[in-house]
Structures are given as structure tokens and as C-alpha cells.
Amino acid sequence: MFLDEVLQQHLPTDGRPVAALDLCAAPGGKSTLMLSALPEGSTLCSNEPVRQRASVLRENIAKWGYAGCTVANSYPKDIRKTGQRFDVILCDVPCSGEGMFRKDEATIREWNLKNVEKCWQLQRDIVSNAWECLNDGGLLIYSTCTFNTKENEENIRWILEEFDAEVLPVDVKPEWHITGSLLPGFTAPVYRFIPGISRGEGLFMCVLRKGGEKSVPPKGKSLTALEPPCLHVSGPLVELTYSQAMAYLRGEALTLPPDTPRGIVEVTFMGHPLGTVKNIGTRANNLYPKEWRIKTTHIPTDYEAILGHT
């Protein structure tokens, strides 16, 4: 993902840990990428303002493994009021979704000029709150999945006019076929992926660095955190067969090898952690969260590899 290029090029080169915030994070793809890209010891607050979407985010972060990650369900203004400060903030803001037209026909039916007007105003409100949460010298990564300049270049120009901000370039390869600014007279380095020209769905991204004087963060309330259930433990690991793994993900009890220690045990498939069970000897009670369990009965009898593995 292009976000990985941005992080690799603009994070501190000395490897020191950073505090990061993914402000509008659901369903979690960019947060899991950040967890992999941030320096060791870093922390990530993965936030989603919409409660229902935050539940999906919580599930995905838990399945990925969330050491150093907090899942939150707060509006940007409430995060600002906590006084917390971050070195990196990703603002993948809600948008009119023009980049999804090829992927989802519903977005075509829902698109209208009124929604574009609503979106660019909401985006500026989100950025205003995020900017106050950003440390001096910190990175704000602004992105949308839409094409129009109102939600993209015009917002970046507004940020430069309103705040002490500098747009940072990203080294790109010609074969990526990235499109630059589409706003006449605006030449700051911005990056637009257009389906049919670039690989993938629609994306706009710009990287900004904050300047300004040091400020003392105000005291405030804590974030509304959604602690993901623990799917991983430090202790015994038991590798499951494909049929056992499917049974586990359906919520069924398992029978583990006789020499398996009693108590909480982590089960894996092909080396990948799935979750935990409580082994009582004659059986292992399933601790996989009920709301995540597979409900369909249409499950292949044999495992079919989708992604290569080592």
C-alpha cells in the first residue's frame, strides 16, 4: 500500500518509538499496516467514531494482534479534549467515495453534489481537531477515496492557509502511474491513484508536517476505549488440522492431544494464531468470541490455499 511507502520514507530514521493515531480507522486495514510499519515500541490509537463500525474495527485489530494498540470509539473533537498528543496522525476522512464507483455501484447511486459539499466541510472539521492533537514536527497524512478537488487539493490548500504546515514529497516510481494535482495553480506534491491509470481503486493522499511553537496539552477526559478480547496468550501452543480449525471458528469444543497442558491454551493453524481454548483434559472449551463465529454451513471439506505461505 502507498501508506507503507509514506511511513517508510517519513518516519524518524533513528528507529525511536512514536505515538500514532488512525483517526477514522474502520474497518482497520490501514491500522494493521501501521502496526507493521511503525518502529518497535510504538503505540497506535485506532479510532472509529461510529459505534457499529468501531465493533468491526475492534474485531479486526484483535485478530491481527494488538500489542501497543488501543481501539477507541470517540469523535475527533473528544480526542482533542483529552489533551493527548501524537507524532503521526492518519486522517483517512469520510468522503463522497468516487474512487469506489468501479467497485461498488451503490456509491454511484448515492453520489450527489450536496454530499460533496457536506463532505469537504466535515473533512476540515476533522483536520482542525486532528491538528491540535499533533506534536510539533509531527506528520499528518490526509487521504480520501474520492477524486474531486474540493475534498482533496482545495482542502490541502486550506490547511496550508490555516495552519503552520509544510507539504512533504514522497518518492514514487514512474510505473505506479500516479497523478498529481488537478487543481489549476496548485502545485504541491499530492498523489492520486485513478483506476485505469494506476493499479487499485481510487485514492488521494498528501503528507504534511506540522511546525509551530511547543504548547502545553490541556488536561481532559480519557478516550472511550474498546479493549479487544484477548486472542493470544504467552503459553502453550497447539497446532490444529484444517477440520479442527474450522470447528474452532464455528465455536465447537475441541479434543486436544493428551499431553496438552490444562488451562488456557492458544490454538494455531499453519502457524497462525486463531485464539484460545480452556483445556480441561477430556475436552477443550472454546473461548473464541461468539459474535465472530462462522455461522454458514457451506465450508469446503478440504483446505484450499489462497495465499502463499512459508
C-alpha atoms as a PDB file:
ATOM      1  CA  MET A   1       0.000   0.000   0.000  1.00  0.00           C
ATOM      2  CA  PHE A   2       1.095   3.568  -0.687  1.00  0.00           C
ATOM      3  CA  LEU A   3       0.709   4.356   3.024  1.00  0.00           C
ATOM      4  CA  ASP A   4       3.604   1.988   3.734  1.00  0.00           C
ATOM      5  CA  GLU A   5       5.822   3.982   1.350  1.00  0.00           C
ATOM      6  CA  VAL A   6       4.857   7.186   3.149  1.00  0.00           C
ATOM      7  CA  LEU A   7       5.674   5.767   6.569  1.00  0.00           C
ATOM      8  CA  GLN A   8       8.959   4.215   5.471  1.00  0.00           C
ATOM      9  CA  GLN A   9      10.119   7.487   3.917  1.00  0.00           C
ATOM     10  CA  HIS A  10       8.979   9.954   6.567  1.00  0.00           C
ATOM     11  CA  LEU A  11       9.156   8.230   9.958  1.00  0.00           C
ATOM     12  CA  PRO A  12      12.219   9.084  12.099  1.00  0.00           C
ATOM     13  CA  THR A  13      15.264   7.242  10.760  1.00  0.00           C
ATOM     14  CA  ASP A  14      16.721   6.518  14.201  1.00  0.00           C
ATOM     15  CA  GLY A  15      14.044   3.898  14.923  1.00  0.00           C
ATOM     16  CA  ARG A  16      12.741   5.594  18.051  1.00  0.00           C
ATOM     17  CA  PRO A  17       9.153   4.688  19.028  1.00  0.00           C
ATOM     18  CA  VAL A  18       6.362   7.042  18.026  1.00  0.00           C
ATOM     19  CA  ALA A  19       2.792   7.632  19.144  1.00  0.00           C
ATOM     20  CA  ALA A  20       0.359   7.283  16.221  1.00  0.00           C
ATOM     21  CA  LEU A  21      -3.367   7.859  15.726  1.00  0.00           C
ATOM     22  CA  ASP A  22      -5.575   6.419  12.988  1.00  0.00           C
ATOM     23  CA  LEU A  23      -8.466   8.814  13.384  1.00  0.00           C
ATOM     24  CA  CYS A  24     -11.172   7.231  11.175  1.00  0.00           C
ATOM     25  CA  ALA A  25      -9.899   3.676  11.192  1.00  0.00           C
ATOM     26  CA  ALA A  26     -12.696   1.170  10.417  1.00  0.00           C
ATOM     27  CA  PRO A  27     -12.551  -1.481   9.142  1.00  0.00           C
ATOM     28  CA  GLY A  28      -8.872  -1.483  10.116  1.00  0.00           C
ATOM     29  CA  GLY A  29      -6.730  -2.185   7.062  1.00  0.00           C
ATOM     30  CA  LYS A  30      -4.626   0.943   7.433  1.00  0.00           C
ATOM     31  CA  SER A  31      -4.274   0.416  11.192  1.00  0.00           C
ATOM     32  CA  THR A  32      -2.918  -3.112  10.745  1.00  0.00           C
ATOM     33  CA  LEU A  33      -0.486  -1.788   8.147  1.00  0.00           C
ATOM     34  CA  MET A  34       0.645   0.898  10.577  1.00  0.00           C
ATOM     35  CA  LEU A  35       1.145  -1.692  13.314  1.00  0.00           C
ATOM     36  CA  SER A  36       3.551  -3.492  10.987  1.00  0.00           C
ATOM     37  CA  ALA A  37       5.349  -0.353   9.767  1.00  0.00           C
ATOM     38  CA  LEU A  38       5.811   1.654  12.979  1.00  0.00           C
ATOM     39  CA  PRO A  39       9.121   1.287  14.858  1.00  0.00           C
ATOM     40  CA  GLU A  40       9.309  -1.281  17.629  1.00  0.00           C
ATOM     41  CA  GLY A  41       7.857   0.011  20.876  1.00  0.00           C
ATOM     42  CA  SER A  42       5.493   2.450  19.159  1.00  0.00           C
ATOM     43  CA  THR A  43       1.861   2.872  20.187  1.00  0.00           C
ATOM     44  CA  LEU A  44      -1.196   3.216  17.972  1.00  0.00           C
ATOM     45  CA  CYS A  45      -4.637   4.508  18.854  1.00  0.00           C
ATOM     46  CA  SER A  46      -7.010   3.046  16.270  1.00  0.00           C
ATOM     47  CA  ASN A  47     -10.172   5.144  16.485  1.00  0.00           C
ATOM     48  CA  GLU A  48     -13.569   4.926  14.812  1.00  0.00           C
ATOM     49  CA  PRO A  49     -16.288   7.485  15.713  1.00  0.00           C
ATOM     50  CA  VAL A  50     -19.240   5.332  14.523  1.00  0.00           C
ATOM     51  CA  ARG A  51     -20.075   2.735  17.174  1.00  0.00           C
ATOM     52  CA  GLN A  52     -21.167  -0.045  14.807  1.00  0.00           C
ATOM     53  CA  ARG A  53     -18.065   0.379  12.651  1.00  0.00           C
ATOM     54  CA  ALA A  54     -15.914   0.515  15.783  1.00  0.00           C
ATOM     55  CA  SER A  55     -17.078  -3.012  16.662  1.00  0.00           C
ATOM     56  CA  VAL A  56     -15.801  -4.253  13.299  1.00  0.00           C
ATOM     57  CA  LEU A  57     -12.525  -2.413  13.875  1.00  0.00           C
ATOM     58  CA  ARG A  58     -12.183  -3.977  17.329  1.00  0.00           C
ATOM     59  CA  GLU A  59     -12.638  -7.455  15.864  1.00  0.00           C
ATOM     60  CA  ASN A  60     -10.059  -6.952  13.111  1.00  0.00           C
ATOM     61  CA  ILE A  61      -7.447  -5.462  15.442  1.00  0.00           C
ATOM     62  CA  ALA A  62      -7.931  -8.363  17.866  1.00  0.00           C
ATOM     63  CA  LYS A  63      -7.491 -10.939  15.111  1.00  0.00           C
ATOM     64  CA  TRP A  64      -4.367  -9.178  13.844  1.00  0.00           C
ATOM     65  CA  GLY A  65      -2.736  -8.982  17.266  1.00  0.00           C
ATOM     66  CA  TYR A  66      -2.831  -5.660  19.059  1.00  0.00           C
ATOM     67  CA  ALA A  67       0.304  -5.229  21.181  1.00  0.00           C
ATOM     68  CA  GLY A  68       0.733  -1.493  21.594  1.00  0.00           C
ATOM     69  CA  CYS A  69      -2.658  -0.721  20.027  1.00  0.00           C
ATOM     70  CA  THR A  70      -5.743   0.793  21.655  1.00  0.00           C
ATOM     71  CA  VAL A  71      -9.112   0.702  19.898  1.00  0.00           C
ATOM     72  CA  ALA A  72     -11.215   3.775  20.619  1.00  0.00           C
ATOM     73  CA  ASN A  73     -14.737   4.972  19.799  1.00  0.00           C
ATOM     74  CA  SER A  74     -14.532   8.770  20.025  1.00  0.00           C
ATOM     75  CA  TYR A  75     -15.253  11.780  17.847  1.00  0.00           C
ATOM     76  CA  PRO A  76     -12.194  13.831  16.791  1.00  0.00           C
ATOM     77  CA  LYS A  77     -13.269  16.752  18.995  1.00  0.00           C
ATOM     78  CA  ASP A  78     -13.360  14.437  22.029  1.00  0.00           C
ATOM     79  CA  ILE A  79      -9.856  13.128  21.303  1.00  0.00           C
ATOM     80  CA  ARG A  80      -8.694  16.752  21.121  1.00  0.00           C
ATOM     81  CA  LYS A  81     -10.258  17.449  24.527  1.00  0.00           C
ATOM     82  CA  THR A  82      -8.248  14.637  26.150  1.00  0.00           C
ATOM     83  CA  GLY A  83      -5.041  16.559  25.547  1.00  0.00           C
ATOM     84  CA  GLN A  84      -3.305  13.528  24.073  1.00  0.00           C
ATOM     85  CA  ARG A  85      -0.603  14.259  21.501  1.00  0.00           C
ATOM     86  CA  PHE A  86       0.669  12.110  18.642  1.00  0.00           C
ATOM     87  CA  ASP A  87       3.693  12.059  16.337  1.00  0.00           C
ATOM     88  CA  VAL A  88       1.770  10.636  13.384  1.00  0.00           C
ATOM     89  CA  ILE A  89      -1.928  11.085  12.612  1.00  0.00           C
ATOM     90  CA  LEU A  90      -3.672   9.410   9.702  1.00  0.00           C
ATOM     91  CA  CYS A  91      -6.822  11.253   8.608  1.00  0.00           C
ATOM     92  CA  ASP A  92      -8.437   8.875   6.138  1.00  0.00           C
ATOM     93  CA  VAL A  93     -11.518  11.059   6.189  1.00  0.00           C
ATOM     94  CA  PRO A  94     -15.118  10.205   5.243  1.00  0.00           C
ATOM     95  CA  CYS A  95     -15.666  11.250   1.637  1.00  0.00           C
ATOM     96  CA  SER A  96     -18.055  11.098  -1.304  1.00  0.00           C
ATOM     97  CA  GLY A  97     -16.471   7.820  -2.418  1.00  0.00           C
ATOM     98  CA  GLU A  98     -15.902   8.489  -6.120  1.00  0.00           C
ATOM     99  CA  GLY A  99     -12.949   6.103  -6.055  1.00  0.00           C
ATOM    100  CA  MET A 100     -15.309   3.243  -5.238  1.00  0.00           C
ATOM    101  CA  PHE A 101     -17.554   3.682  -8.308  1.00  0.00           C
ATOM    102  CA  ARG A 102     -15.979   0.735 -10.136  1.00  0.00           C
ATOM    103  CA  LYS A 103     -16.069  -1.488  -7.051  1.00  0.00           C
ATOM    104  CA  ASP A 104     -19.483  -0.628  -5.599  1.00  0.00           C
ATOM    105  CA  GLU A 105     -22.389   0.501  -7.796  1.00  0.00           C
ATOM    106  CA  ALA A 106     -24.281   1.711  -4.719  1.00  0.00           C
ATOM    107  CA  THR A 107     -21.795   4.571  -4.363  1.00  0.00           C
ATOM    108  CA  ILE A 108     -22.789   5.792  -7.829  1.00  0.00           C
ATOM    109  CA  ARG A 109     -26.451   5.967  -6.857  1.00  0.00           C
ATOM    110  CA  GLU A 110     -25.657   7.722  -3.585  1.00  0.00           C
ATOM    111  CA  TRP A 111     -23.324  10.355  -5.070  1.00  0.00           C
ATOM    112  CA  ASN A 112     -24.572  13.937  -5.392  1.00  0.00           C
ATOM    113  CA  LEU A 113     -23.186  17.468  -5.224  1.00  0.00           C
ATOM    114  CA  LYS A 114     -24.865  18.122  -1.885  1.00  0.00           C
ATOM    115  CA  ASN A 115     -22.936  15.238  -0.348  1.00  0.00           C
ATOM    116  CA  VAL A 116     -19.651  16.576  -1.759  1.00  0.00           C
ATOM    117  CA  GLU A 117     -20.353  19.926  -0.078  1.00  0.00           C
ATOM    118  CA  LYS A 118     -21.153  18.165   3.193  1.00  0.00           C
ATOM    119  CA  CYS A 119     -18.005  16.046   2.987  1.00  0.00           C
ATOM    120  CA  TRP A 120     -15.427  18.787   2.432  1.00  0.00           C
ATOM    121  CA  GLN A 121     -16.796  20.768   5.364  1.00  0.00           C
ATOM    122  CA  LEU A 122     -16.750  17.702   7.632  1.00  0.00           C
ATOM    123  CA  GLN A 123     -13.207  16.915   6.493  1.00  0.00           C
ATOM    124  CA  ARG A 124     -11.987  20.366   7.518  1.00  0.00           C
ATOM    125  CA  ASP A 125     -13.591  19.975  10.929  1.00  0.00           C
ATOM    126  CA  ILE A 126     -11.827  16.623  11.378  1.00  0.00           C
ATOM    127  CA  VAL A 127      -8.468  18.054  10.319  1.00  0.00           C
ATOM    128  CA  SER A 128      -8.863  21.063  12.646  1.00  0.00           C
ATOM    129  CA  ASN A 129      -9.295  18.753  15.623  1.00  0.00           C
ATOM    130  CA  ALA A 130      -6.532  16.412  14.486  1.00  0.00           C
ATOM    131  CA  TRP A 131      -4.079  19.292  14.060  1.00  0.00           C
ATOM    132  CA  GLU A 132      -4.378  20.198  17.736  1.00  0.00           C
ATOM    133  CA  CYS A 133      -3.557  16.579  18.632  1.00  0.00           C
ATOM    134  CA  LEU A 134      -0.361  16.590  16.559  1.00  0.00           C
ATOM    135  CA  ASN A 135       3.052  17.175  18.100  1.00  0.00           C
ATOM    136  CA  ASP A 136       5.245  19.917  16.655  1.00  0.00           C
ATOM    137  CA  GLY A 137       7.194  18.389  13.784  1.00  0.00           C
ATOM    138  CA  GLY A 138       4.667  15.564  13.550  1.00  0.00           C
ATOM    139  CA  LEU A 139       3.160  14.061  10.398  1.00  0.00           C
ATOM    140  CA  LEU A 140      -0.440  14.406   9.315  1.00  0.00           C
ATOM    141  CA  ILE A 141      -1.361  12.054   6.474  1.00  0.00           C
ATOM    142  CA  TYR A 142      -4.531  13.186   4.722  1.00  0.00           C
ATOM    143  CA  SER A 143      -6.312  10.731   2.448  1.00  0.00           C
ATOM    144  CA  THR A 144      -9.642  10.134   0.727  1.00  0.00           C
ATOM    145  CA  CYS A 145     -11.041   7.603  -1.726  1.00  0.00           C
ATOM    146  CA  THR A 146     -12.503  10.288  -3.969  1.00  0.00           C
ATOM    147  CA  PHE A 147     -11.306  12.348  -6.949  1.00  0.00           C
ATOM    148  CA  ASN A 148     -12.823  15.857  -6.868  1.00  0.00           C
ATOM    149  CA  THR A 149     -10.577  18.753  -5.893  1.00  0.00           C
ATOM    150  CA  LYS A 150     -12.991  20.142  -3.275  1.00  0.00           C
ATOM    151  CA  GLU A 151     -12.295  17.181  -0.979  1.00  0.00           C
ATOM    152  CA  ASN A 152      -8.645  16.914  -1.950  1.00  0.00           C
ATOM    153  CA  GLU A 153      -6.429  19.737  -3.267  1.00  0.00           C
ATOM    154  CA  GLU A 154      -8.718  22.505  -2.021  1.00  0.00           C
ATOM    155  CA  ASN A 155      -8.617  21.035   1.481  1.00  0.00           C
ATOM    156  CA  ILE A 156      -4.817  20.797   1.353  1.00  0.00           C
ATOM    157  CA  ARG A 157      -4.613  24.417   0.219  1.00  0.00           C
ATOM    158  CA  TRP A 158      -6.898  25.363   3.121  1.00  0.00           C
ATOM    159  CA  ILE A 159      -4.655  23.513   5.591  1.00  0.00           C
ATOM    160  CA  LEU A 160      -1.628  25.442   4.310  1.00  0.00           C
ATOM    161  CA  GLU A 161      -3.503  28.715   4.686  1.00  0.00           C
ATOM    162  CA  GLU A 162      -4.896  27.975   8.165  1.00  0.00           C
ATOM    163  CA  PHE A 163      -2.027  26.175   9.891  1.00  0.00           C
ATOM    164  CA  ASP A 164       1.745  26.151  10.121  1.00  0.00           C
ATOM    165  CA  ALA A 165       2.067  23.230   7.723  1.00  0.00           C
ATOM    166  CA  GLU A 166       4.501  22.034   5.088  1.00  0.00           C
ATOM    167  CA  VAL A 167       3.637  19.517   2.357  1.00  0.00           C
ATOM    168  CA  LEU A 168       6.234  16.739   2.095  1.00  0.00           C
ATOM    169  CA  PRO A 169       7.118  14.931  -1.154  1.00  0.00           C
ATOM    170  CA  VAL A 170       7.046  11.149  -1.465  1.00  0.00           C
ATOM    171  CA  ASP A 171       9.467   9.332  -3.764  1.00  0.00           C
ATOM    172  CA  VAL A 172       7.401   7.354  -6.276  1.00  0.00           C
ATOM    173  CA  LYS A 173       8.166   5.126  -9.238  1.00  0.00           C
ATOM    174  CA  PRO A 174       7.022   6.037 -12.773  1.00  0.00           C
ATOM    175  CA  GLU A 175       5.414   2.633 -13.245  1.00  0.00           C
ATOM    176  CA  TRP A 176       2.936   3.438 -10.469  1.00  0.00           C
ATOM    177  CA  HIS A 177       1.309   5.977 -12.823  1.00  0.00           C
ATOM    178  CA  ILE A 178       0.340   8.348 -10.019  1.00  0.00           C
ATOM    179  CA  THR A 179      -1.500  11.549 -10.962  1.00  0.00           C
ATOM    180  CA  GLY A 180      -0.504  14.828  -9.302  1.00  0.00           C
ATOM    181  CA  SER A 181      -2.567  17.921  -8.565  1.00  0.00           C
ATOM    182  CA  LEU A 182      -5.682  18.526 -10.677  1.00  0.00           C
ATOM    183  CA  LEU A 183      -6.310  21.982  -9.216  1.00  0.00           C
ATOM    184  CA  PRO A 184      -5.110  24.772 -11.548  1.00  0.00           C
ATOM    185  CA  GLY A 185      -2.350  26.809  -9.929  1.00  0.00           C
ATOM    186  CA  PHE A 186      -1.836  24.338  -7.055  1.00  0.00           C
ATOM    187  CA  THR A 187       1.481  22.516  -7.468  1.00  0.00           C
ATOM    188  CA  ALA A 188       2.145  20.996  -4.024  1.00  0.00           C
ATOM    189  CA  PRO A 189       3.049  17.292  -4.149  1.00  0.00           C
ATOM    190  CA  VAL A 190      -0.157  15.261  -3.857  1.00  0.00           C
ATOM    191  CA  TYR A 191      -0.766  11.711  -5.021  1.00  0.00           C
ATOM    192  CA  ARG A 192      -3.898  10.454  -6.774  1.00  0.00           C
ATOM    193  CA  PHE A 193      -4.473   6.871  -7.864  1.00  0.00           C
ATOM    194  CA  ILE A 194      -7.062   6.684 -10.630  1.00  0.00           C
ATOM    195  CA  PRO A 195      -8.478   3.275 -11.667  1.00  0.00           C
ATOM    196  CA  GLY A 196      -7.480   2.519 -15.233  1.00  0.00           C
ATOM    197  CA  ILE A 197      -4.345   4.636 -14.878  1.00  0.00           C
ATOM    198  CA  SER A 198      -2.968   3.317 -11.580  1.00  0.00           C
ATOM    199  CA  ARG A 199      -3.464  -0.162 -10.168  1.00  0.00           C
ATOM    200  CA  GLY A 200      -6.129  -0.455  -7.481  1.00  0.00           C
ATOM    201  CA  GLU A 201      -9.148   1.585  -6.510  1.00  0.00           C
ATOM    202  CA  GLY A 202      -9.303   5.363  -6.173  1.00  0.00           C
ATOM    203  CA  LEU A 203      -7.046   7.071  -3.623  1.00  0.00           C
ATOM    204  CA  PHE A 204      -5.828  10.593  -2.867  1.00  0.00           C
ATOM    205  CA  MET A 205      -3.059  11.208  -0.326  1.00  0.00           C
ATOM    206  CA  CYS A 206      -0.976  14.111   0.915  1.00  0.00           C
ATOM    207  CA  VAL A 207       1.656  14.198   3.685  1.00  0.00           C
ATOM    208  CA  LEU A 208       2.074  17.310   5.838  1.00  0.00           C
ATOM    209  CA  ARG A 209       4.490  18.215   8.611  1.00  0.00           C
ATOM    210  CA  LYS A 210       3.484  20.487  11.497  1.00  0.00           C
ATOM    211  CA  GLY A 211       5.655  23.399  12.568  1.00  0.00           C
ATOM    212  CA  GLY A 212       4.841  25.949  15.265  1.00  0.00           C
ATOM    213  CA  GLU A 213       5.696  26.633  18.881  1.00  0.00           C
ATOM    214  CA  LYS A 214       5.602  23.997  21.580  1.00  0.00           C
ATOM    215  CA  SER A 215       2.356  24.050  23.541  1.00  0.00           C
ATOM    216  CA  VAL A 216       1.260  22.512  26.834  1.00  0.00           C
ATOM    217  CA  PRO A 217      -1.537  19.965  26.239  1.00  0.00           C
ATOM    218  CA  PRO A 218      -4.707  20.767  28.183  1.00  0.00           C
ATOM    219  CA  LYS A 219      -5.987  18.262  30.699  1.00  0.00           C
ATOM    220  CA  GLY A 220      -9.117  16.443  29.682  1.00  0.00           C
ATOM    221  CA  LYS A 221     -11.106  13.239  29.841  1.00  0.00           C
ATOM    222  CA  SER A 222      -9.968   9.815  28.647  1.00  0.00           C
ATOM    223  CA  LEU A 223     -10.822   8.232  25.334  1.00  0.00           C
ATOM    224  CA  THR A 224     -13.723   5.809  25.001  1.00  0.00           C
ATOM    225  CA  ALA A 225     -11.618   2.681  24.618  1.00  0.00           C
ATOM    226  CA  LEU A 226     -12.889  -0.653  23.317  1.00  0.00           C
ATOM    227  CA  GLU A 227     -10.450  -3.221  24.630  1.00  0.00           C
ATOM    228  CA  PRO A 228     -10.230  -6.095  22.117  1.00  0.00           C
ATOM    229  CA  PRO A 229     -10.758  -9.556  23.608  1.00  0.00           C
ATOM    230  CA  CYS A 230      -7.521 -11.443  24.137  1.00  0.00           C
ATOM    231  CA  LEU A 231      -6.976 -13.998  21.369  1.00  0.00           C
ATOM    232  CA  HIS A 232      -3.291 -14.502  22.144  1.00  0.00           C
ATOM    233  CA  VAL A 233      -1.549 -15.675  25.301  1.00  0.00           C
ATOM    234  CA  SER A 234       2.003 -16.396  26.305  1.00  0.00           C
ATOM    235  CA  GLY A 235       1.913 -20.122  26.921  1.00  0.00           C
ATOM    236  CA  PRO A 236       1.330 -23.465  25.226  1.00  0.00           C
ATOM    237  CA  LEU A 237       0.556 -23.523  21.501  1.00  0.00           C
ATOM    238  CA  VAL A 238      -1.351 -26.345  19.812  1.00  0.00           C
ATOM    239  CA  GLU A 239      -1.422 -26.671  16.023  1.00  0.00           C
ATOM    240  CA  LEU A 240      -4.822 -27.654  14.619  1.00  0.00           C
ATOM    241  CA  THR A 241      -5.735 -29.537  11.469  1.00  0.00           C
ATOM    242  CA  TYR A 242      -7.942 -27.788   8.921  1.00  0.00           C
ATOM    243  CA  SER A 243     -11.085 -29.563  10.154  1.00  0.00           C
ATOM    244  CA  GLN A 244     -10.243 -28.716  13.767  1.00  0.00           C
ATOM    245  CA  ALA A 245      -9.599 -25.091  12.843  1.00  0.00           C
ATOM    246  CA  MET A 246     -12.997 -24.835  11.142  1.00  0.00           C
ATOM    247  CA  ALA A 247     -14.641 -26.444  14.158  1.00  0.00           C
ATOM    248  CA  TYR A 248     -12.905 -23.924  16.411  1.00  0.00           C
ATOM    249  CA  LEU A 249     -14.047 -20.963  14.293  1.00  0.00           C
ATOM    250  CA  ARG A 250     -17.613 -22.347  14.442  1.00  0.00           C
ATOM    251  CA  GLY A 251     -17.399 -22.276  18.238  1.00  0.00           C
ATOM    252  CA  GLU A 252     -17.211 -26.011  18.880  1.00  0.00           C
ATOM    253  CA  ALA A 253     -15.295 -27.715  21.683  1.00  0.00           C
ATOM    254  CA  LEU A 254     -12.083 -29.500  20.705  1.00  0.00           C
ATOM    255  CA  THR A 255     -10.210 -32.591  21.775  1.00  0.00           C
ATOM    256  CA  LEU A 256      -6.504 -31.806  22.061  1.00  0.00           C
ATOM    257  CA  PRO A 257      -3.536 -34.224  22.314  1.00  0.00           C
ATOM    258  CA  PRO A 258      -3.310 -35.994  25.683  1.00  0.00           C
ATOM    259  CA  ASP A 259      -0.052 -34.254  26.632  1.00  0.00           C
ATOM    260  CA  THR A 260      -1.564 -30.761  26.220  1.00  0.00           C
ATOM    261  CA  PRO A 261      -1.277 -28.805  29.495  1.00  0.00           C
ATOM    262  CA  ARG A 262      -4.537 -27.963  31.236  1.00  0.00           C
ATOM    263  CA  GLY A 263      -5.722 -24.386  31.397  1.00  0.00           C
ATOM    264  CA  ILE A 264      -5.696 -21.621  28.788  1.00  0.00           C
ATOM    265  CA  VAL A 265      -4.059 -22.754  25.553  1.00  0.00           C
ATOM    266  CA  GLU A 266      -3.595 -20.883  22.268  1.00  0.00           C
ATOM    267  CA  VAL A 267      -4.514 -22.773  19.094  1.00  0.00           C
ATOM    268  CA  THR A 268      -2.976 -22.139  15.678  1.00  0.00           C
ATOM    269  CA  PHE A 269      -3.473 -23.188  12.055  1.00  0.00           C
ATOM    270  CA  MET A 270      -0.463 -23.299   9.729  1.00  0.00           C
ATOM    271  CA  GLY A 271       1.408 -21.365  12.393  1.00  0.00           C
ATOM    272  CA  HIS A 272      -1.108 -18.520  12.546  1.00  0.00           C
ATOM    273  CA  PRO A 273      -2.800 -17.856  15.924  1.00  0.00           C
ATOM    274  CA  LEU A 274      -6.572 -18.316  15.926  1.00  0.00           C
ATOM    275  CA  GLY A 275      -7.451 -17.762  19.573  1.00  0.00           C
ATOM    276  CA  THR A 276      -7.684 -19.575  22.878  1.00  0.00           C
ATOM    277  CA  VAL A 277      -9.386 -22.556  24.494  1.00  0.00           C
ATOM    278  CA  LYS A 278      -9.611 -23.765  28.074  1.00  0.00           C
ATOM    279  CA  ASN A 279      -8.296 -27.316  28.166  1.00  0.00           C
ATOM    280  CA  ILE A 280      -9.910 -29.358  30.948  1.00  0.00           C
ATOM    281  CA  GLY A 281      -8.463 -32.695  29.833  1.00  0.00           C
ATOM    282  CA  THR A 282     -11.363 -34.565  28.239  1.00  0.00           C
ATOM    283  CA  ARG A 283     -12.130 -31.574  26.028  1.00  0.00           C
ATOM    284  CA  ALA A 284     -11.084 -28.006  25.367  1.00  0.00           C
ATOM    285  CA  ASN A 285     -13.815 -25.411  25.828  1.00  0.00           C
ATOM    286  CA  ASN A 286     -13.956 -22.832  23.062  1.00  0.00           C
ATOM    287  CA  LEU A 287     -13.159 -19.214  24.030  1.00  0.00           C
ATOM    288  CA  TYR A 288     -13.493 -17.707  20.548  1.00  0.00           C
ATOM    289  CA  PRO A 289     -15.883 -14.697  20.783  1.00  0.00           C
ATOM    290  CA  LYS A 290     -19.439 -15.793  19.988  1.00  0.00           C
ATOM    291  CA  GLU A 291     -20.203 -12.809  17.757  1.00  0.00           C
ATOM    292  CA  TRP A 292     -17.294 -13.704  15.435  1.00  0.00           C
ATOM    293  CA  ARG A 293     -18.061 -17.379  14.948  1.00  0.00           C
ATOM    294  CA  ILE A 294     -18.685 -18.823  11.485  1.00  0.00           C
ATOM    295  CA  LYS A 295     -22.390 -19.459  11.028  1.00  0.00           C
ATOM    296  CA  THR A 296     -22.514 -20.743   7.458  1.00  0.00           C
ATOM    297  CA  THR A 297     -22.567 -24.490   6.825  1.00  0.00           C
ATOM    298  CA  HIS A 298     -21.035 -24.072   3.366  1.00  0.00           C
ATOM    299  CA  ILE A 299     -17.430 -24.790   4.324  1.00  0.00           C
ATOM    300  CA  PRO A 300     -15.063 -26.717   1.989  1.00  0.00           C
ATOM    301  CA  THR A 301     -14.198 -30.184   3.218  1.00  0.00           C
ATOM    302  CA  ASP A 302     -10.515 -29.754   2.359  1.00  0.00           C
ATOM    303  CA  TYR A 303      -8.247 -26.775   2.785  1.00  0.00           C
ATOM    304  CA  GLU A 304      -7.655 -24.760  -0.384  1.00  0.00           C
ATOM    305  CA  ALA A 305      -4.626 -22.468  -0.299  1.00  0.00           C
ATOM    306  CA  ILE A 306      -5.467 -18.859  -1.235  1.00  0.00           C
ATOM    307  CA  LEU A 307      -2.261 -17.065  -0.325  1.00  0.00           C
ATOM    308  CA  GLY A 308       1.224 -18.468  -0.492  1.00  0.00           C
ATOM    309  CA  HIS A 309       2.942 -19.207   2.804  1.00  0.00           C
ATOM    310  CA  THR A 310       6.342 -20.184   4.051  1.00  0.00           C
END
